């Protein structure tokens, strides 16, 4: 694909979720892509270290590939997780470190 994806998601205290697609490769309709991406989340407040698990499901057709193509070429990936419980970002972590929008900072993910 020509271009990169910029996708966001949120989980709320009422257990609802939102997905946003702020950027996508050339020719991809942002709203259609947003509707096809699924986000589920679960919060465990009883664990010694409170956790939130996110599962973001992106159909391979949106990535312009199938399972065989994904195994052949892999993907470049980064992630930035924000902690925002109100009106401002309280903290964040980024994988890998550095500017999460800089493609030179992405890590290669291979699939078997």
C-alpha atoms as a PDB file:
ATOM      1  CA  UNK A   1       0.000   0.000   0.000  1.00  0.00           C
ATOM      2  CA  UNK A   2       1.089   3.545  -0.656  1.00  0.00           C
ATOM      3  CA  UNK A   3       1.017   5.331   2.706  1.00  0.00           C
ATOM      4  CA  UNK A   4       0.595   4.356   6.313  1.00  0.00           C
ATOM      5  CA  UNK A   5      -2.165   3.820   8.818  1.00  0.00           C
ATOM      6  CA  UNK A   6      -2.907   5.943  11.863  1.00  0.00           C
ATOM      7  CA  UNK A   7      -5.512   4.192  13.995  1.00  0.00           C
ATOM      8  CA  UNK A   8      -6.722   4.944  17.502  1.00  0.00           C
ATOM      9  CA  UNK A   9      -9.003   3.322  19.974  1.00  0.00           C
ATOM     10  CA  UNK A  10     -10.437   3.973  23.407  1.00  0.00           C
ATOM     11  CA  UNK A  11     -12.202   2.041  26.116  1.00  0.00           C
ATOM     12  CA  UNK A  12     -14.526   3.847  28.489  1.00  0.00           C
ATOM     13  CA  UNK A  13     -15.692   3.146  32.030  1.00  0.00           C
ATOM     14  CA  UNK A  14     -19.135   2.202  30.714  1.00  0.00           C
ATOM     15  CA  UNK A  15     -17.336  -0.588  28.733  1.00  0.00           C
ATOM     16  CA  UNK A  16     -18.047   1.009  25.355  1.00  0.00           C
ATOM     17  CA  UNK A  17     -15.249   1.454  22.819  1.00  0.00           C
ATOM     18  CA  UNK A  18     -14.401   3.837  20.004  1.00  0.00           C
ATOM     19  CA  UNK A  19     -12.147   3.408  16.976  1.00  0.00           C
ATOM     20  CA  UNK A  20     -10.705   6.230  14.905  1.00  0.00           C
ATOM     21  CA  UNK A  21      -8.833   6.167  11.614  1.00  0.00           C
ATOM     22  CA  UNK A  22      -6.976   9.444  11.201  1.00  0.00           C
ATOM     23  CA  UNK A  23      -4.813   8.308   8.309  1.00  0.00           C
ATOM     24  CA  UNK A  24      -4.757   5.479   5.802  1.00  0.00           C
ATOM     25  CA  UNK A  25      -2.968   4.531   2.573  1.00  0.00           C
ATOM     26  CA  UNK A  26      -4.014   6.132  -0.685  1.00  0.00           C
ATOM     27  CA  UNK A  27      -7.474   5.100  -1.866  1.00  0.00           C
ATOM     28  CA  UNK A  28      -8.777   3.914   1.531  1.00  0.00           C
ATOM     29  CA  UNK A  29     -11.995   5.507   2.766  1.00  0.00           C
ATOM     30  CA  UNK A  30     -11.351   6.447   6.422  1.00  0.00           C
ATOM     31  CA  UNK A  31     -14.944   6.022   7.603  1.00  0.00           C
ATOM     32  CA  UNK A  32     -15.397   2.641   5.908  1.00  0.00           C
ATOM     33  CA  UNK A  33     -12.110   1.439   7.386  1.00  0.00           C
ATOM     34  CA  UNK A  34     -13.131   2.676  10.846  1.00  0.00           C
ATOM     35  CA  UNK A  35     -16.358   0.677  10.667  1.00  0.00           C
ATOM     36  CA  UNK A  36     -14.443  -2.505   9.719  1.00  0.00           C
ATOM     37  CA  UNK A  37     -11.926  -2.313  12.578  1.00  0.00           C
ATOM     38  CA  UNK A  38     -13.024  -3.912  15.847  1.00  0.00           C
ATOM     39  CA  UNK A  39     -11.850  -3.044  19.353  1.00  0.00           C
ATOM     40  CA  UNK A  40     -12.608  -5.003  22.493  1.00  0.00           C
ATOM     41  CA  UNK A  41     -11.148  -4.302  25.903  1.00  0.00           C
ATOM     42  CA  UNK A  42     -11.168  -5.702  29.405  1.00  0.00           C
ATOM     43  CA  UNK A  43     -10.068  -4.064  32.646  1.00  0.00           C
ATOM     44  CA  UNK A  44      -8.950  -6.087  35.672  1.00  0.00           C
ATOM     45  CA  UNK A  45      -9.124  -3.792  38.695  1.00  0.00           C
ATOM     46  CA  UNK A  46      -8.685  -6.648  41.196  1.00  0.00           C
ATOM     47  CA  UNK A  47      -5.195  -7.639  40.065  1.00  0.00           C
ATOM     48  CA  UNK A  48      -2.226  -6.466  42.141  1.00  0.00           C
ATOM     49  CA  UNK A  49      -1.316  -4.267  39.170  1.00  0.00           C
ATOM     50  CA  UNK A  50      -4.478  -2.987  37.533  1.00  0.00           C
ATOM     51  CA  UNK A  51      -4.525  -3.938  33.854  1.00  0.00           C
ATOM     52  CA  UNK A  52      -6.404  -3.100  30.696  1.00  0.00           C
ATOM     53  CA  UNK A  53      -6.249  -5.497  27.746  1.00  0.00           C
ATOM     54  CA  UNK A  54      -7.000  -4.208  24.247  1.00  0.00           C
ATOM     55  CA  UNK A  55      -7.708  -6.370  21.203  1.00  0.00           C
ATOM     56  CA  UNK A  56      -7.700  -4.383  17.962  1.00  0.00           C
ATOM     57  CA  UNK A  57      -8.785  -6.475  14.967  1.00  0.00           C
ATOM     58  CA  UNK A  58      -7.959  -5.158  11.505  1.00  0.00           C
ATOM     59  CA  UNK A  59      -9.199  -7.175   8.513  1.00  0.00           C
ATOM     60  CA  UNK A  60      -6.281  -8.187   6.296  1.00  0.00           C
ATOM     61  CA  UNK A  61      -8.116  -6.904   3.227  1.00  0.00           C
ATOM     62  CA  UNK A  62      -7.752  -3.378   4.675  1.00  0.00           C
ATOM     63  CA  UNK A  63      -3.995  -3.956   4.702  1.00  0.00           C
ATOM     64  CA  UNK A  64      -4.158  -4.976   1.044  1.00  0.00           C
ATOM     65  CA  UNK A  65      -3.054  -8.549   1.734  1.00  0.00           C
ATOM     66  CA  UNK A  66      -4.121 -11.982   2.898  1.00  0.00           C
ATOM     67  CA  UNK A  67      -2.552 -14.454   5.350  1.00  0.00           C
ATOM     68  CA  UNK A  68      -0.034 -15.721   2.768  1.00  0.00           C
ATOM     69  CA  UNK A  69       0.976 -12.189   1.829  1.00  0.00           C
ATOM     70  CA  UNK A  70       1.375 -11.232   5.477  1.00  0.00           C
ATOM     71  CA  UNK A  71       3.654 -14.228   6.103  1.00  0.00           C
ATOM     72  CA  UNK A  72       5.695 -13.290   3.041  1.00  0.00           C
ATOM     73  CA  UNK A  73       6.200  -9.582   3.703  1.00  0.00           C
ATOM     74  CA  UNK A  74       5.310  -8.910   7.363  1.00  0.00           C
ATOM     75  CA  UNK A  75       4.424  -5.400   8.501  1.00  0.00           C
ATOM     76  CA  UNK A  76       6.056  -2.371  10.063  1.00  0.00           C
ATOM     77  CA  UNK A  77       4.475  -1.465  13.388  1.00  0.00           C
ATOM     78  CA  UNK A  78       4.582   0.970  16.255  1.00  0.00           C
ATOM     79  CA  UNK A  79       2.256   1.724  19.117  1.00  0.00           C
ATOM     80  CA  UNK A  80       1.628   4.626  21.451  1.00  0.00           C
ATOM     81  CA  UNK A  81      -0.594   4.092  24.464  1.00  0.00           C
ATOM     82  CA  UNK A  82      -2.001   7.175  26.223  1.00  0.00           C
ATOM     83  CA  UNK A  83      -3.464   7.346  29.699  1.00  0.00           C
ATOM     84  CA  UNK A  84      -6.167   9.955  29.458  1.00  0.00           C
ATOM     85  CA  UNK A  85      -8.872   9.709  32.090  1.00  0.00           C
ATOM     86  CA  UNK A  86     -10.324  13.118  31.412  1.00  0.00           C
ATOM     87  CA  UNK A  87      -9.287  16.266  29.641  1.00  0.00           C
ATOM     88  CA  UNK A  88      -5.556  15.682  29.293  1.00  0.00           C
ATOM     89  CA  UNK A  89      -2.921  13.022  28.749  1.00  0.00           C
ATOM     90  CA  UNK A  90      -1.711  11.824  32.155  1.00  0.00           C
ATOM     91  CA  UNK A  91       1.029   9.639  30.726  1.00  0.00           C
ATOM     92  CA  UNK A  92       1.978   7.502  27.764  1.00  0.00           C
ATOM     93  CA  UNK A  93       4.294   4.765  26.572  1.00  0.00           C
ATOM     94  CA  UNK A  94       5.575   4.217  23.083  1.00  0.00           C
ATOM     95  CA  UNK A  95       6.891   1.087  21.378  1.00  0.00           C
ATOM     96  CA  UNK A  96       9.443   1.477  20.071  1.00  0.00           C
ATOM     97  CA  UNK A  97      10.833   4.523  21.825  1.00  0.00           C
ATOM     98  CA  UNK A  98      10.959   7.759  19.877  1.00  0.00           C
ATOM     99  CA  UNK A  99       8.519   9.507  17.594  1.00  0.00           C
ATOM    100  CA  UNK A 100       5.669   7.041  16.962  1.00  0.00           C
ATOM    101  CA  UNK A 101       4.806   8.757  13.659  1.00  0.00           C
ATOM    102  CA  UNK A 102       8.309   8.434  12.179  1.00  0.00           C
ATOM    103  CA  UNK A 103       8.401   5.365   9.864  1.00  0.00           C
ATOM    104  CA  UNK A 104      12.143   5.060  10.508  1.00  0.00           C
ATOM    105  CA  UNK A 105      11.157   4.218  14.091  1.00  0.00           C
ATOM    106  CA  UNK A 106       8.831   1.331  13.215  1.00  0.00           C
ATOM    107  CA  UNK A 107       9.753  -2.270  14.021  1.00  0.00           C
ATOM    108  CA  UNK A 108       9.429  -5.095  11.502  1.00  0.00           C
ATOM    109  CA  UNK A 109       6.975  -7.825  12.498  1.00  0.00           C
ATOM    110  CA  UNK A 110       7.240 -11.170  10.716  1.00  0.00           C
ATOM    111  CA  UNK A 111       4.557 -13.869  10.756  1.00  0.00           C
ATOM    112  CA  UNK A 112       4.894 -17.629  10.472  1.00  0.00           C
END
